[in-house]
Amino acid sequence: MRILVTGASGRLGSTLLDHLVRQRRHEVVAWGGSAAVARGTIAIRPVDLADPPALARALAEDDPDAIVHAGALSSADAVHRDPERGRAVNVESTRILAEWAGARRRRLVFTSTDLVFDGSRSWWREDDEARPVLAYGQTKLDAEAHVRAIDRGLVARLSLLFGPNGSGRPDFFSQAVQALRQGEPRGFFHDEFRTPLDYRTAAEALVRLLESEAVGIVHVAGRERLSRFDLMKRTAAALGLDLELVRSASQSDITLPEPRPSDASLDTTRLTEILPNLNRPTLETALSDWR
């Protein structure tokens, strides 16, 4: 199968590429950002997801059998600052990919987010009503509709991702770990809950979901509901860092551009039904090679 990975130079996309290359079961085509790069033996084609003619040309030329659409404007602050580009990248590119795939009965797996929920309760299921409080979450929810409209489309809602990934790009988690390693105290919300999953397991799950016939929506997340404070406290312990540097903070302590959902924990019963043999390691096991 010829698989296209969008967002291939990002944290999740590059981890997906690594997983696919290790498998050696599929031909891989990769799209990334503005600069042409390569990852190992895989060339990454620069495709601007906000440029519909460029997107259409690249689809026609690469002609994939299946697509994992991981490309996005994934920073909630960036979408808040530039909502027009946020919609162009997150919604319109997904519409174009979905219409192309649907017309040819090709497989499409779209990476969405737990931030489509308003945070008013715990353990959200796929059939619960999504009511985003973030502009980023709204773009992802709007994009989901285009994927669900085609016969072979699957929406994979991801929770907070952490741990080693292929890009080398800093994120919340890696920046926090680096600060703790340098002896800098950091505050983390004790009142914001997610179901964190490591990048490598997320990549494996997405490839296996792509190879399945599952459609609709599936939640791809870890088994444990953790606050950001709990996540970083356990991370510090796993990495042998000073636990006193991990400080408890509240969402109310900080003025944010937009309100954040306080609980976006995901129920993963359907994921377990589709992929009963998927190993989702504990936080400590996932971080073992970071020691």
C-alpha atoms as a PDB file:
ATOM      1  CA  MET A   1       0.000   0.000   0.000  1.00  0.00           C
ATOM      2  CA  ARG A   2       1.216   3.484  -0.864  1.00  0.00           C
ATOM      3  CA  ILE A   3       0.712   5.616   2.257  1.00  0.00           C
ATOM      4  CA  LEU A   4       0.878   9.411   2.387  1.00  0.00           C
ATOM      5  CA  VAL A   5       1.789  10.991   5.726  1.00  0.00           C
ATOM      6  CA  THR A   6       1.064  14.714   5.985  1.00  0.00           C
ATOM      7  CA  GLY A   7       2.824  16.742   8.658  1.00  0.00           C
ATOM      8  CA  ALA A   8       5.781  14.383   8.262  1.00  0.00           C
ATOM      9  CA  SER A   9       8.324  16.850   9.649  1.00  0.00           C
ATOM     10  CA  GLY A  10       6.331  17.349  12.854  1.00  0.00           C
ATOM     11  CA  ARG A  11       6.597  15.473  16.128  1.00  0.00           C
ATOM     12  CA  LEU A  12       3.884  12.920  15.433  1.00  0.00           C
ATOM     13  CA  GLY A  13       4.452  12.747  11.670  1.00  0.00           C
ATOM     14  CA  SER A  14       8.169  12.053  11.963  1.00  0.00           C
ATOM     15  CA  THR A  15       7.470   9.317  14.517  1.00  0.00           C
ATOM     16  CA  LEU A  16       4.941   7.844  12.094  1.00  0.00           C
ATOM     17  CA  LEU A  17       7.568   7.821   9.353  1.00  0.00           C
ATOM     18  CA  ASP A  18      10.050   6.044  11.609  1.00  0.00           C
ATOM     19  CA  HIS A  19       7.455   3.409  12.448  1.00  0.00           C
ATOM     20  CA  LEU A  20       6.504   2.821   8.813  1.00  0.00           C
ATOM     21  CA  VAL A  21      10.145   2.576   7.719  1.00  0.00           C
ATOM     22  CA  ARG A  22      10.854   0.012  10.450  1.00  0.00           C
ATOM     23  CA  GLN A  23       7.834  -2.034   9.364  1.00  0.00           C
ATOM     24  CA  ARG A  24       8.907  -2.202   5.699  1.00  0.00           C
ATOM     25  CA  ARG A  25       5.383  -3.230   4.752  1.00  0.00           C
ATOM     26  CA  HIS A  26       4.307  -0.167   2.820  1.00  0.00           C
ATOM     27  CA  GLU A  27       5.574   2.385   0.324  1.00  0.00           C
ATOM     28  CA  VAL A  28       5.707   5.763   2.060  1.00  0.00           C
ATOM     29  CA  VAL A  29       5.160   9.267   0.668  1.00  0.00           C
ATOM     30  CA  ALA A  30       5.752  12.190   3.034  1.00  0.00           C
ATOM     31  CA  TRP A  31       4.645  15.829   2.994  1.00  0.00           C
ATOM     32  CA  GLY A  32       6.039  18.471   5.289  1.00  0.00           C
ATOM     33  CA  GLY A  33       6.381  22.225   5.611  1.00  0.00           C
ATOM     34  CA  SER A  34       8.058  24.842   3.470  1.00  0.00           C
ATOM     35  CA  ALA A  35      11.598  23.423   3.339  1.00  0.00           C
ATOM     36  CA  ALA A  36      12.375  20.205   1.462  1.00  0.00           C
ATOM     37  CA  VAL A  37      14.097  17.774   3.819  1.00  0.00           C
ATOM     38  CA  ALA A  38      14.595  14.040   4.147  1.00  0.00           C
ATOM     39  CA  ARG A  39      14.188  11.609   7.011  1.00  0.00           C
ATOM     40  CA  GLY A  40      16.477   8.671   6.475  1.00  0.00           C
ATOM     41  CA  THR A  41      15.627   7.260   3.078  1.00  0.00           C
ATOM     42  CA  ILE A  42      12.312   9.117   2.850  1.00  0.00           C
ATOM     43  CA  ALA A  43      12.227  12.483   1.060  1.00  0.00           C
ATOM     44  CA  ILE A  44       9.750  14.934   2.574  1.00  0.00           C
ATOM     45  CA  ARG A  45       7.940  16.947  -0.066  1.00  0.00           C
ATOM     46  CA  PRO A  46       7.168  20.559   0.911  1.00  0.00           C
ATOM     47  CA  VAL A  47       3.413  21.070   0.511  1.00  0.00           C
ATOM     48  CA  ASP A  48       1.597  24.104   1.930  1.00  0.00           C
ATOM     49  CA  LEU A  49      -1.692  22.774   3.292  1.00  0.00           C
ATOM     50  CA  ALA A  50      -3.147  26.284   3.093  1.00  0.00           C
ATOM     51  CA  ASP A  51      -2.609  26.365  -0.715  1.00  0.00           C
ATOM     52  CA  PRO A  52      -5.473  24.402  -2.360  1.00  0.00           C
ATOM     53  CA  PRO A  53      -3.979  24.336  -5.907  1.00  0.00           C
ATOM     54  CA  ALA A  54      -0.640  23.053  -4.545  1.00  0.00           C
ATOM     55  CA  LEU A  55      -2.486  20.469  -2.488  1.00  0.00           C
ATOM     56  CA  ALA A  56      -4.457  19.255  -5.497  1.00  0.00           C
ATOM     57  CA  ARG A  57      -1.325  19.003  -7.650  1.00  0.00           C
ATOM     58  CA  ALA A  58       0.554  17.041  -5.001  1.00  0.00           C
ATOM     59  CA  LEU A  59      -2.353  14.616  -4.574  1.00  0.00           C
ATOM     60  CA  ALA A  60      -2.562  14.005  -8.310  1.00  0.00           C
ATOM     61  CA  GLU A  61       1.176  13.416  -8.592  1.00  0.00           C
ATOM     62  CA  ASP A  62       1.644  11.233  -5.502  1.00  0.00           C
ATOM     63  CA  ASP A  63      -1.667   9.343  -5.869  1.00  0.00           C
ATOM     64  CA  PRO A  64      -1.647   7.526  -2.476  1.00  0.00           C
ATOM     65  CA  ASP A  65      -3.753   4.481  -1.658  1.00  0.00           C
ATOM     66  CA  ALA A  66      -4.163   5.725   1.910  1.00  0.00           C
ATOM     67  CA  ILE A  67      -3.534   8.930   3.860  1.00  0.00           C
ATOM     68  CA  VAL A  68      -2.671   9.626   7.477  1.00  0.00           C
ATOM     69  CA  HIS A  69      -3.462  13.324   7.777  1.00  0.00           C
ATOM     70  CA  ALA A  70      -1.319  14.469  10.713  1.00  0.00           C
ATOM     71  CA  GLY A  71      -0.498  17.906   9.291  1.00  0.00           C
ATOM     72  CA  ALA A  72      -2.083  20.803  11.175  1.00  0.00           C
ATOM     73  CA  LEU A  73      -1.646  24.172  12.769  1.00  0.00           C
ATOM     74  CA  SER A  74      -1.516  22.418  16.115  1.00  0.00           C
ATOM     75  CA  SER A  75      -0.782  25.287  18.498  1.00  0.00           C
ATOM     76  CA  ALA A  76      -3.975  26.520  20.136  1.00  0.00           C
ATOM     77  CA  ASP A  77      -2.384  29.954  20.597  1.00  0.00           C
ATOM     78  CA  ALA A  78      -1.407  30.102  16.904  1.00  0.00           C
ATOM     79  CA  VAL A  79      -4.967  29.322  15.805  1.00  0.00           C
ATOM     80  CA  HIS A  80      -6.300  31.939  18.229  1.00  0.00           C
ATOM     81  CA  ARG A  81      -3.887  34.548  16.824  1.00  0.00           C
ATOM     82  CA  ASP A  82      -4.535  33.698  13.169  1.00  0.00           C
ATOM     83  CA  PRO A  83      -7.959  32.070  12.851  1.00  0.00           C
ATOM     84  CA  GLU A  84      -8.003  32.463   9.060  1.00  0.00           C
ATOM     85  CA  ARG A  85      -4.856  30.388   8.617  1.00  0.00           C
ATOM     86  CA  GLY A  86      -6.070  28.003  11.289  1.00  0.00           C
ATOM     87  CA  ARG A  87      -9.174  27.253   9.238  1.00  0.00           C
ATOM     88  CA  ALA A  88      -7.237  27.055   5.984  1.00  0.00           C
ATOM     89  CA  VAL A  89      -4.736  24.531   7.358  1.00  0.00           C
ATOM     90  CA  ASN A  90      -6.936  22.546   9.721  1.00  0.00           C
ATOM     91  CA  VAL A  91     -10.327  22.573   8.009  1.00  0.00           C
ATOM     92  CA  GLU A  92      -9.987  23.343   4.307  1.00  0.00           C
ATOM     93  CA  SER A  93      -7.002  21.069   3.679  1.00  0.00           C
ATOM     94  CA  THR A  94      -8.896  18.247   5.394  1.00  0.00           C
ATOM     95  CA  ARG A  95     -11.927  18.907   3.198  1.00  0.00           C
ATOM     96  CA  ILE A  96      -9.784  18.698   0.049  1.00  0.00           C
ATOM     97  CA  LEU A  97      -8.070  15.491   1.174  1.00  0.00           C
ATOM     98  CA  ALA A  98     -11.379  13.930   2.212  1.00  0.00           C
ATOM     99  CA  GLU A  99     -13.132  14.787  -1.049  1.00  0.00           C
ATOM    100  CA  TRP A 100     -10.188  13.432  -3.046  1.00  0.00           C
ATOM    101  CA  ALA A 101     -10.075  10.218  -1.024  1.00  0.00           C
ATOM    102  CA  GLY A 102     -13.848   9.789  -1.016  1.00  0.00           C
ATOM    103  CA  ALA A 103     -14.138  10.135  -4.790  1.00  0.00           C
ATOM    104  CA  ARG A 104     -11.562   7.338  -5.240  1.00  0.00           C
ATOM    105  CA  ARG A 105     -12.579   5.163  -2.258  1.00  0.00           C
ATOM    106  CA  ARG A 106      -9.144   5.643  -0.700  1.00  0.00           C
ATOM    107  CA  ARG A 107      -8.475   5.254   3.022  1.00  0.00           C
ATOM    108  CA  LEU A 108      -8.122   8.409   5.154  1.00  0.00           C
ATOM    109  CA  VAL A 109      -7.210   8.593   8.840  1.00  0.00           C
ATOM    110  CA  PHE A 110      -7.406  12.110  10.279  1.00  0.00           C
ATOM    111  CA  THR A 111      -5.722  13.061  13.550  1.00  0.00           C
ATOM    112  CA  SER A 112      -8.086  15.143  15.665  1.00  0.00           C
ATOM    113  CA  THR A 113      -7.852  16.104  19.335  1.00  0.00           C
ATOM    114  CA  ASP A 114      -9.331  15.602  22.791  1.00  0.00           C
ATOM    115  CA  LEU A 115      -9.760  19.406  22.845  1.00  0.00           C
ATOM    116  CA  VAL A 116     -13.026  19.110  20.911  1.00  0.00           C
ATOM    117  CA  PHE A 117     -14.631  18.637  24.350  1.00  0.00           C
ATOM    118  CA  ASP A 118     -15.556  21.415  26.779  1.00  0.00           C
ATOM    119  CA  GLY A 119     -13.993  19.755  29.841  1.00  0.00           C
ATOM    120  CA  SER A 120     -17.161  19.645  31.913  1.00  0.00           C
ATOM    121  CA  ARG A 121     -16.738  15.953  32.849  1.00  0.00           C
ATOM    122  CA  SER A 122     -14.334  13.017  32.634  1.00  0.00           C
ATOM    123  CA  TRP A 123     -13.804  10.026  30.329  1.00  0.00           C
ATOM    124  CA  TRP A 124     -15.376  11.344  27.133  1.00  0.00           C
ATOM    125  CA  ARG A 125     -16.717   8.741  24.717  1.00  0.00           C
ATOM    126  CA  GLU A 126     -16.839   8.993  20.922  1.00  0.00           C
ATOM    127  CA  ASP A 127     -20.600   9.550  20.873  1.00  0.00           C
ATOM    128  CA  ASP A 128     -20.553  12.318  23.497  1.00  0.00           C
ATOM    129  CA  GLU A 129     -21.406  15.794  22.242  1.00  0.00           C
ATOM    130  CA  ALA A 130     -18.307  17.772  21.279  1.00  0.00           C
ATOM    131  CA  ARG A 131     -18.460  21.458  22.253  1.00  0.00           C
ATOM    132  CA  PRO A 132     -15.007  23.045  21.919  1.00  0.00           C
ATOM    133  CA  VAL A 133     -14.043  26.043  24.029  1.00  0.00           C
ATOM    134  CA  LEU A 134     -10.827  26.629  22.037  1.00  0.00           C
ATOM    135  CA  ALA A 135     -10.723  27.923  18.461  1.00  0.00           C
ATOM    136  CA  TYR A 136      -8.217  25.149  17.718  1.00  0.00           C
ATOM    137  CA  GLY A 137     -10.668  22.519  18.944  1.00  0.00           C
ATOM    138  CA  GLN A 138     -13.403  24.044  16.780  1.00  0.00           C
ATOM    139  CA  THR A 139     -11.257  23.796  13.642  1.00  0.00           C
ATOM    140  CA  LYS A 140     -10.587  20.134  14.387  1.00  0.00           C
ATOM    141  CA  LEU A 141     -14.267  19.413  15.018  1.00  0.00           C
ATOM    142  CA  ASP A 142     -15.247  21.146  11.771  1.00  0.00           C
ATOM    143  CA  ALA A 143     -12.615  19.113   9.911  1.00  0.00           C
ATOM    144  CA  GLU A 144     -13.915  15.871  11.414  1.00  0.00           C
ATOM    145  CA  ALA A 145     -17.214  16.300   9.582  1.00  0.00           C
ATOM    146  CA  HIS A 146     -15.494  16.114   6.182  1.00  0.00           C
ATOM    147  CA  VAL A 147     -13.726  12.863   7.112  1.00  0.00           C
ATOM    148  CA  ARG A 148     -16.850  11.263   8.521  1.00  0.00           C
ATOM    149  CA  ALA A 149     -18.697  12.093   5.289  1.00  0.00           C
ATOM    150  CA  ILE A 150     -16.639   9.626   3.220  1.00  0.00           C
ATOM    151  CA  ASP A 151     -16.954   5.853   3.183  1.00  0.00           C
ATOM    152  CA  ARG A 152     -13.423   4.971   4.316  1.00  0.00           C
ATOM    153  CA  GLY A 153     -12.707   7.880   6.643  1.00  0.00           C
ATOM    154  CA  LEU A 154     -11.637   7.506  10.273  1.00  0.00           C
ATOM    155  CA  VAL A 155     -11.219  10.290  12.836  1.00  0.00           C
ATOM    156  CA  ALA A 156      -8.583   9.457  15.458  1.00  0.00           C
ATOM    157  CA  ARG A 157      -8.915  11.833  18.413  1.00  0.00           C
ATOM    158  CA  LEU A 158      -5.545  12.024  20.154  1.00  0.00           C
ATOM    159  CA  SER A 159      -4.909  13.036  23.730  1.00  0.00           C
ATOM    160  CA  LEU A 160      -1.830  14.866  25.035  1.00  0.00           C
ATOM    161  CA  LEU A 161       1.269  13.238  23.491  1.00  0.00           C
ATOM    162  CA  PHE A 162       4.582  13.025  25.322  1.00  0.00           C
ATOM    163  CA  GLY A 163       8.026  11.503  25.247  1.00  0.00           C
ATOM    164  CA  PRO A 164      10.674  10.869  22.603  1.00  0.00           C
ATOM    165  CA  ASN A 165       9.670  11.663  19.039  1.00  0.00           C
ATOM    166  CA  GLY A 166      11.408  11.842  15.695  1.00  0.00           C
ATOM    167  CA  SER A 167      11.359  15.569  14.982  1.00  0.00           C
ATOM    168  CA  GLY A 168      13.701  17.028  17.576  1.00  0.00           C
ATOM    169  CA  ARG A 169      11.263  19.949  17.841  1.00  0.00           C
ATOM    170  CA  PRO A 170      10.560  21.146  21.384  1.00  0.00           C
ATOM    171  CA  ASP A 171       7.062  20.843  22.792  1.00  0.00           C
ATOM    172  CA  PHE A 172       5.472  21.488  26.180  1.00  0.00           C
ATOM    173  CA  PHE A 173       6.702  18.184  27.548  1.00  0.00           C
ATOM    174  CA  SER A 174      10.309  18.246  26.305  1.00  0.00           C
ATOM    175  CA  GLN A 175      10.717  21.904  27.323  1.00  0.00           C
ATOM    176  CA  ALA A 176       9.424  21.098  30.802  1.00  0.00           C
ATOM    177  CA  VAL A 177      11.806  18.149  31.149  1.00  0.00           C
ATOM    178  CA  GLN A 178      14.730  20.270  29.983  1.00  0.00           C
ATOM    179  CA  ALA A 179      13.904  22.965  32.532  1.00  0.00           C
ATOM    180  CA  LEU A 180      13.779  20.401  35.344  1.00  0.00           C
ATOM    181  CA  ARG A 181      17.083  18.904  34.220  1.00  0.00           C
ATOM    182  CA  GLN A 182      18.599  22.373  34.476  1.00  0.00           C
ATOM    183  CA  GLY A 183      17.304  22.756  38.024  1.00  0.00           C
ATOM    184  CA  GLU A 184      14.540  25.239  37.176  1.00  0.00           C
ATOM    185  CA  PRO A 185      11.304  24.936  39.183  1.00  0.00           C
ATOM    186  CA  ARG A 186       8.161  24.853  37.058  1.00  0.00           C
ATOM    187  CA  GLY A 187       4.461  25.017  37.869  1.00  0.00           C
ATOM    188  CA  PHE A 188       2.005  22.585  36.289  1.00  0.00           C
ATOM    189  CA  PHE A 189      -1.783  22.612  36.413  1.00  0.00           C
ATOM    190  CA  HIS A 190      -3.261  20.278  39.010  1.00  0.00           C
ATOM    191  CA  ASP A 191      -6.741  21.009  37.643  1.00  0.00           C
ATOM    192  CA  GLU A 192      -6.330  20.130  33.943  1.00  0.00           C
ATOM    193  CA  PHE A 193      -6.774  16.427  33.176  1.00  0.00           C
ATOM    194  CA  ARG A 194      -5.839  14.428  30.076  1.00  0.00           C
ATOM    195  CA  THR A 195      -5.122  10.790  29.190  1.00  0.00           C
ATOM    196  CA  PRO A 196      -1.511  11.122  27.959  1.00  0.00           C
ATOM    197  CA  LEU A 197      -0.028   8.736  25.389  1.00  0.00           C
ATOM    198  CA  ASP A 198       3.549   8.446  24.180  1.00  0.00           C
ATOM    199  CA  TYR A 199       4.346   9.343  20.558  1.00  0.00           C
ATOM    200  CA  ARG A 200       5.605   5.888  19.611  1.00  0.00           C
ATOM    201  CA  THR A 201       2.458   4.105  20.757  1.00  0.00           C
ATOM    202  CA  ALA A 202       0.323   6.754  19.060  1.00  0.00           C
ATOM    203  CA  ALA A 203       2.192   6.169  15.787  1.00  0.00           C
ATOM    204  CA  GLU A 204       1.766   2.394  16.037  1.00  0.00           C
ATOM    205  CA  ALA A 205      -1.937   2.790  16.789  1.00  0.00           C
ATOM    206  CA  LEU A 206      -2.486   5.088  13.812  1.00  0.00           C
ATOM    207  CA  VAL A 207      -0.778   2.723  11.372  1.00  0.00           C
ATOM    208  CA  ARG A 208      -2.750  -0.242  12.677  1.00  0.00           C
ATOM    209  CA  LEU A 209      -5.978   1.753  12.487  1.00  0.00           C
ATOM    210  CA  LEU A 210      -5.121   2.713   8.908  1.00  0.00           C
ATOM    211  CA  GLU A 211      -4.688  -0.967   8.069  1.00  0.00           C
ATOM    212  CA  SER A 212      -8.040  -1.803   9.690  1.00  0.00           C
ATOM    213  CA  GLU A 213     -11.485  -1.172   8.257  1.00  0.00           C
ATOM    214  CA  ALA A 214     -12.643   0.950  11.215  1.00  0.00           C
ATOM    215  CA  VAL A 215     -14.560   4.099  10.315  1.00  0.00           C
ATOM    216  CA  GLY A 216     -16.219   6.908  12.252  1.00  0.00           C
ATOM    217  CA  ILE A 217     -14.404   8.128  15.371  1.00  0.00           C
ATOM    218  CA  VAL A 218     -11.975   6.395  17.706  1.00  0.00           C
ATOM    219  CA  HIS A 219     -10.232   7.818  20.768  1.00  0.00           C
ATOM    220  CA  VAL A 220      -6.479   7.169  20.813  1.00  0.00           C
ATOM    221  CA  ALA A 221      -5.125   7.880  24.281  1.00  0.00           C
ATOM    222  CA  GLY A 222      -3.428   6.421  27.311  1.00  0.00           C
ATOM    223  CA  ARG A 223      -5.086   4.329  30.000  1.00  0.00           C
ATOM    224  CA  GLU A 224      -4.608   6.782  32.881  1.00  0.00           C
ATOM    225  CA  ARG A 225      -6.332  10.083  33.631  1.00  0.00           C
ATOM    226  CA  LEU A 226      -3.607  12.451  34.853  1.00  0.00           C
ATOM    227  CA  SER A 227      -3.322  16.139  35.612  1.00  0.00           C
ATOM    228  CA  ARG A 228      -0.358  17.950  34.092  1.00  0.00           C
ATOM    229  CA  PHE A 229       1.072  18.145  37.624  1.00  0.00           C
ATOM    230  CA  ASP A 230       0.762  14.375  38.095  1.00  0.00           C
ATOM    231  CA  LEU A 231       2.254  13.764  34.649  1.00  0.00           C
ATOM    232  CA  MET A 232       5.329  15.845  35.385  1.00  0.00           C
ATOM    233  CA  LYS A 233       5.734  14.580  38.963  1.00  0.00           C
ATOM    234  CA  ARG A 234       5.846  11.003  37.712  1.00  0.00           C
ATOM    235  CA  THR A 235       8.067  11.999  34.798  1.00  0.00           C
ATOM    236  CA  ALA A 236      10.553  13.618  37.162  1.00  0.00           C
ATOM    237  CA  ALA A 237      10.577  10.478  39.313  1.00  0.00           C
ATOM    238  CA  ALA A 238      11.057   8.223  36.263  1.00  0.00           C
ATOM    239  CA  LEU A 239      13.958  10.328  34.992  1.00  0.00           C
ATOM    240  CA  GLY A 240      15.638  10.702  38.375  1.00  0.00           C
ATOM    241  CA  LEU A 241      15.029  14.464  38.582  1.00  0.00           C
ATOM    242  CA  ASP A 242      14.396  16.615  41.651  1.00  0.00           C
ATOM    243  CA  LEU A 243      10.721  16.219  42.574  1.00  0.00           C
ATOM    244  CA  GLU A 244      10.794  19.492  44.544  1.00  0.00           C
ATOM    245  CA  LEU A 245      11.160  21.375  41.260  1.00  0.00           C
ATOM    246  CA  VAL A 246       7.695  20.215  40.138  1.00  0.00           C
ATOM    247  CA  ARG A 247       5.265  22.755  41.583  1.00  0.00           C
ATOM    248  CA  SER A 248       1.477  22.643  41.652  1.00  0.00           C
ATOM    249  CA  ALA A 249      -0.402  25.432  39.848  1.00  0.00           C
ATOM    250  CA  SER A 250      -3.995  26.197  38.898  1.00  0.00           C
ATOM    251  CA  GLN A 251      -5.480  27.328  35.602  1.00  0.00           C
ATOM    252  CA  SER A 252      -6.824  30.331  37.513  1.00  0.00           C
ATOM    253  CA  ASP A 253      -3.250  31.393  38.342  1.00  0.00           C
ATOM    254  CA  ILE A 254      -2.594  32.358  34.704  1.00  0.00           C
ATOM    255  CA  THR A 255      -4.423  34.649  32.295  1.00  0.00           C
ATOM    256  CA  LEU A 256      -4.858  32.581  29.141  1.00  0.00           C
ATOM    257  CA  PRO A 257      -5.890  33.875  25.681  1.00  0.00           C
ATOM    258  CA  GLU A 258      -8.806  31.429  25.720  1.00  0.00           C
ATOM    259  CA  PRO A 259     -10.346  29.224  28.395  1.00  0.00           C
ATOM    260  CA  ARG A 260      -9.017  25.657  28.414  1.00  0.00           C
ATOM    261  CA  PRO A 261     -11.095  22.560  29.106  1.00  0.00           C
ATOM    262  CA  SER A 262     -10.368  21.331  32.609  1.00  0.00           C
ATOM    263  CA  ASP A 263     -10.946  17.657  31.799  1.00  0.00           C
ATOM    264  CA  ALA A 264     -10.432  16.187  28.335  1.00  0.00           C
ATOM    265  CA  SER A 265      -9.777  12.604  29.446  1.00  0.00           C
ATOM    266  CA  LEU A 266     -10.809  10.091  26.788  1.00  0.00           C
ATOM    267  CA  ASP A 267     -12.556   6.758  27.114  1.00  0.00           C
ATOM    268  CA  THR A 268     -10.685   4.260  24.894  1.00  0.00           C
ATOM    269  CA  THR A 269     -13.051   1.295  24.996  1.00  0.00           C
ATOM    270  CA  ARG A 270     -13.504   1.372  21.218  1.00  0.00           C
ATOM    271  CA  LEU A 271      -9.737   1.490  20.613  1.00  0.00           C
ATOM    272  CA  THR A 272      -9.360  -1.642  22.734  1.00  0.00           C
ATOM    273  CA  GLU A 273     -12.116  -3.371  20.750  1.00  0.00           C
ATOM    274  CA  ILE A 274     -10.497  -2.517  17.394  1.00  0.00           C
ATOM    275  CA  LEU A 275      -6.884  -3.164  18.479  1.00  0.00           C
ATOM    276  CA  PRO A 276      -7.107  -5.609  21.397  1.00  0.00           C
ATOM    277  CA  ASN A 277      -3.393  -6.424  21.220  1.00  0.00           C
ATOM    278  CA  LEU A 278      -2.131  -2.835  21.200  1.00  0.00           C
ATOM    279  CA  ASN A 279       0.352  -2.415  24.034  1.00  0.00           C
ATOM    280  CA  ARG A 280      -0.015   0.942  25.733  1.00  0.00           C
ATOM    281  CA  PRO A 281       2.911   1.133  28.161  1.00  0.00           C
ATOM    282  CA  THR A 282       2.880   2.892  31.483  1.00  0.00           C
ATOM    283  CA  LEU A 283       4.314   6.384  31.653  1.00  0.00           C
ATOM    284  CA  GLU A 284       7.443   5.050  33.315  1.00  0.00           C
ATOM    285  CA  THR A 285       8.009   2.351  30.684  1.00  0.00           C
ATOM    286  CA  ALA A 286       7.487   4.797  27.817  1.00  0.00           C
ATOM    287  CA  LEU A 287      10.136   7.098  29.309  1.00  0.00           C
ATOM    288  CA  SER A 288      12.673   4.378  30.078  1.00  0.00           C
ATOM    289  CA  ASP A 289      15.025   5.300  27.194  1.00  0.00           C
ATOM    290  CA  TRP A 290      15.071   8.966  28.240  1.00  0.00           C
ATOM    291  CA  ARG A 291      16.889   8.230  31.477  1.00  0.00           C
END
